[in-house]
Each structure stands twice: as C-alpha cells, then as structure tokens.
C-alpha cells in the first residue's frame, strides 16, 4: 500500500488522506463553508474535519503552518488558536469530539428501516 503523502502528526494537529470508511462515517456531520481570505478561530474543544473543497494554509498559535486540501482528514486539539489563510473557498464536514448528537444521527442513518411483511 502506498505511503500517505499527506500524513502529518504533531501534538497539536494530525492530518491524513481520508479513507472511504472515514468519508462514510462523516456523511452526517455538520458542514462549514468559508470564502473569507482570513478566518481566525480558537479551538476550545477537539475537532475533526474532512475537507470537501477548497485550499487553505492553517497557521497555528505555535507558529506551525499546515496546508489542507480536498480529501484531507484533520484533527485539531483543544486550546489552539488558528488563523486560516484561505486561497480557495472552503467546505468541510466537521465534528467536535464531545458532540453526541452526531453519533446519534449516525446511528439513525445506519439502523435498518422498519419493514412490514404481509402475512
């Protein structure tokens, strides 16, 4: 199996190419879109997101910079401030890790539908 050229892991953030299983699991996640050239956010909770469209360079409060492209699956640890430098409008599916609503929605989507049988 070829190496994941997008793989990156630090104490603050991880990034890798999303697998088909990851794409399936994120289908019910909330969608975030942003076309602003600069977007700043302070992450008080751990968040994961799948980049659906767009390109950005994320500058972390540590000074590290990480680029994100379509197909990337990224997790940002809590307590990090980031400044997004967006070169193409972004669209991400995201989930905060303390969000049980997402897990409940996913369970509903994967449960078999009720079927009635003629007798």
Protein backbone atom coordinates (compact mmCIF):
# COMPACT_ATOMS: atom_id res chain seq x y z
CA UNK A 1 0.00 0.00 0.00
CA UNK A 2 1.48 3.41 -0.94
CA UNK A 3 2.51 5.81 1.81
CA UNK A 4 0.12 8.64 2.70
CA UNK A 5 1.98 11.70 1.42
CA UNK A 6 -0.45 13.98 3.27
CA UNK A 7 0.19 12.34 6.67
CA UNK A 8 1.32 14.71 9.41
CA UNK A 9 1.08 14.27 13.17
CA UNK A 10 2.11 16.72 15.87
CA UNK A 11 0.97 17.22 19.45
CA UNK A 12 -1.40 19.95 18.19
CA UNK A 13 -2.80 18.54 14.97
CA UNK A 14 -2.99 15.49 12.75
CA UNK A 15 -3.70 15.27 9.03
CA UNK A 16 -4.01 12.34 6.63
CA UNK A 17 -5.88 11.40 3.49
CA UNK A 18 -9.42 10.31 4.29
CA UNK A 19 -10.22 6.66 3.65
CA UNK A 20 -13.51 5.57 2.12
CA UNK A 21 -14.55 4.45 5.61
CA UNK A 22 -13.81 7.93 7.02
CA UNK A 23 -15.81 9.53 4.20
CA UNK A 24 -18.75 7.22 5.01
CA UNK A 25 -18.59 7.99 8.73
CA UNK A 26 -18.56 11.76 8.19
CA UNK A 27 -21.56 11.94 5.85
CA UNK A 28 -23.93 13.14 8.62
CA UNK A 29 -21.51 15.67 10.11
CA UNK A 30 -22.27 19.38 10.03
CA UNK A 31 -20.94 21.39 7.07
CA UNK A 32 -18.79 24.53 7.41
CA UNK A 33 -18.20 26.86 4.48
CA UNK A 34 -15.98 29.91 4.35
CA UNK A 35 -14.89 32.11 1.47
CA UNK A 36 -13.18 34.79 3.59
CA UNK A 37 -9.49 35.26 2.81
CA UNK A 38 -8.65 35.12 6.54
CA UNK A 39 -10.58 33.25 9.24
CA UNK A 40 -9.43 33.10 12.87
CA UNK A 41 -10.74 30.64 15.44
CA UNK A 42 -9.80 29.49 18.93
CA UNK A 43 -10.49 25.78 19.41
CA UNK A 44 -11.68 25.10 22.95
CA UNK A 45 -12.70 21.53 22.03
CA UNK A 46 -11.04 18.89 19.89
CA UNK A 47 -12.46 18.94 16.36
CA UNK A 48 -12.07 16.75 13.30
CA UNK A 49 -12.98 17.72 9.78
CA UNK A 50 -12.94 16.34 6.26
CA UNK A 51 -12.04 18.86 3.57
CA UNK A 52 -14.59 18.57 0.77
CA UNK A 53 -13.48 21.57 -1.30
CA UNK A 54 -11.06 24.47 -1.19
CA UNK A 55 -7.49 25.11 -0.11
CA UNK A 56 -6.08 26.82 2.95
CA UNK A 57 -2.95 27.26 4.98
CA UNK A 58 -3.68 26.97 8.71
CA UNK A 59 -1.31 28.94 10.92
CA UNK A 60 -1.35 27.59 14.47
CA UNK A 61 -0.65 29.70 17.56
CA UNK A 62 2.59 27.71 17.91
CA UNK A 63 3.79 29.23 14.63
CA UNK A 64 3.47 25.95 12.73
CA UNK A 65 1.73 26.07 9.35
CA UNK A 66 -0.26 23.24 7.79
CA UNK A 67 -1.88 23.19 4.38
CA UNK A 68 -5.25 21.50 3.87
CA UNK A 69 -6.64 20.24 0.57
CA UNK A 70 -9.72 18.30 -0.57
CA UNK A 71 -9.61 14.75 0.78
CA UNK A 72 -7.65 15.66 3.92
CA UNK A 73 -8.97 14.49 7.29
CA UNK A 74 -7.69 16.79 10.05
CA UNK A 75 -7.96 16.78 13.85
CA UNK A 76 -7.11 19.90 15.85
CA UNK A 77 -6.50 19.56 19.59
CA UNK A 78 -8.24 21.87 22.11
CA UNK A 79 -6.53 25.05 23.30
CA UNK A 80 -5.16 26.00 19.88
CA UNK A 81 -5.74 29.32 18.14
CA UNK A 82 -5.61 29.16 14.36
CA UNK A 83 -5.61 31.62 11.54
CA UNK A 84 -6.84 30.18 8.25
CA UNK A 85 -5.38 31.73 5.08
CA UNK A 86 -7.98 30.62 2.54
CA UNK A 87 -6.90 30.63 -1.10
CA UNK A 88 -9.99 28.79 -2.43
CA UNK A 89 -13.40 28.81 -0.65
CA UNK A 90 -13.54 26.04 1.94
CA UNK A 91 -16.20 23.42 2.54
CA UNK A 92 -15.63 20.93 5.36
CA UNK A 93 -17.66 18.33 7.23
CA UNK A 94 -16.78 18.70 10.90
CA UNK A 95 -17.50 17.27 14.34
CA UNK A 96 -16.46 18.39 17.80
CA UNK A 97 -15.44 15.33 19.77
CA UNK A 98 -17.82 15.99 22.64
CA UNK A 99 -20.78 16.10 20.24
CA UNK A 100 -23.01 13.11 20.94
CA UNK A 101 -25.64 14.49 18.57
CA UNK A 102 -23.51 13.40 15.63
CA UNK A 103 -23.19 9.87 16.98
CA UNK A 104 -26.97 9.70 17.46
CA UNK A 105 -27.58 10.89 13.87
CA UNK A 106 -25.09 8.37 12.55
CA UNK A 107 -26.82 5.57 14.48
CA UNK A 108 -30.17 6.58 13.00
CA UNK A 109 -28.74 6.57 9.47
CA UNK A 110 -27.19 3.14 9.86
CA UNK A 111 -30.17 1.41 11.54
CA UNK A 112 -32.30 -0.84 9.32
CA UNK A 113 -35.57 0.68 8.23
CA UNK A 114 -38.77 -0.82 9.56
CA UNK A 115 -40.21 -3.25 7.10
CA UNK A 116 -43.74 -4.59 7.16
CA UNK A 117 -44.38 -8.11 5.97
CA UNK A 118 -47.65 -9.36 4.50
CA UNK A 119 -48.86 -12.44 6.23
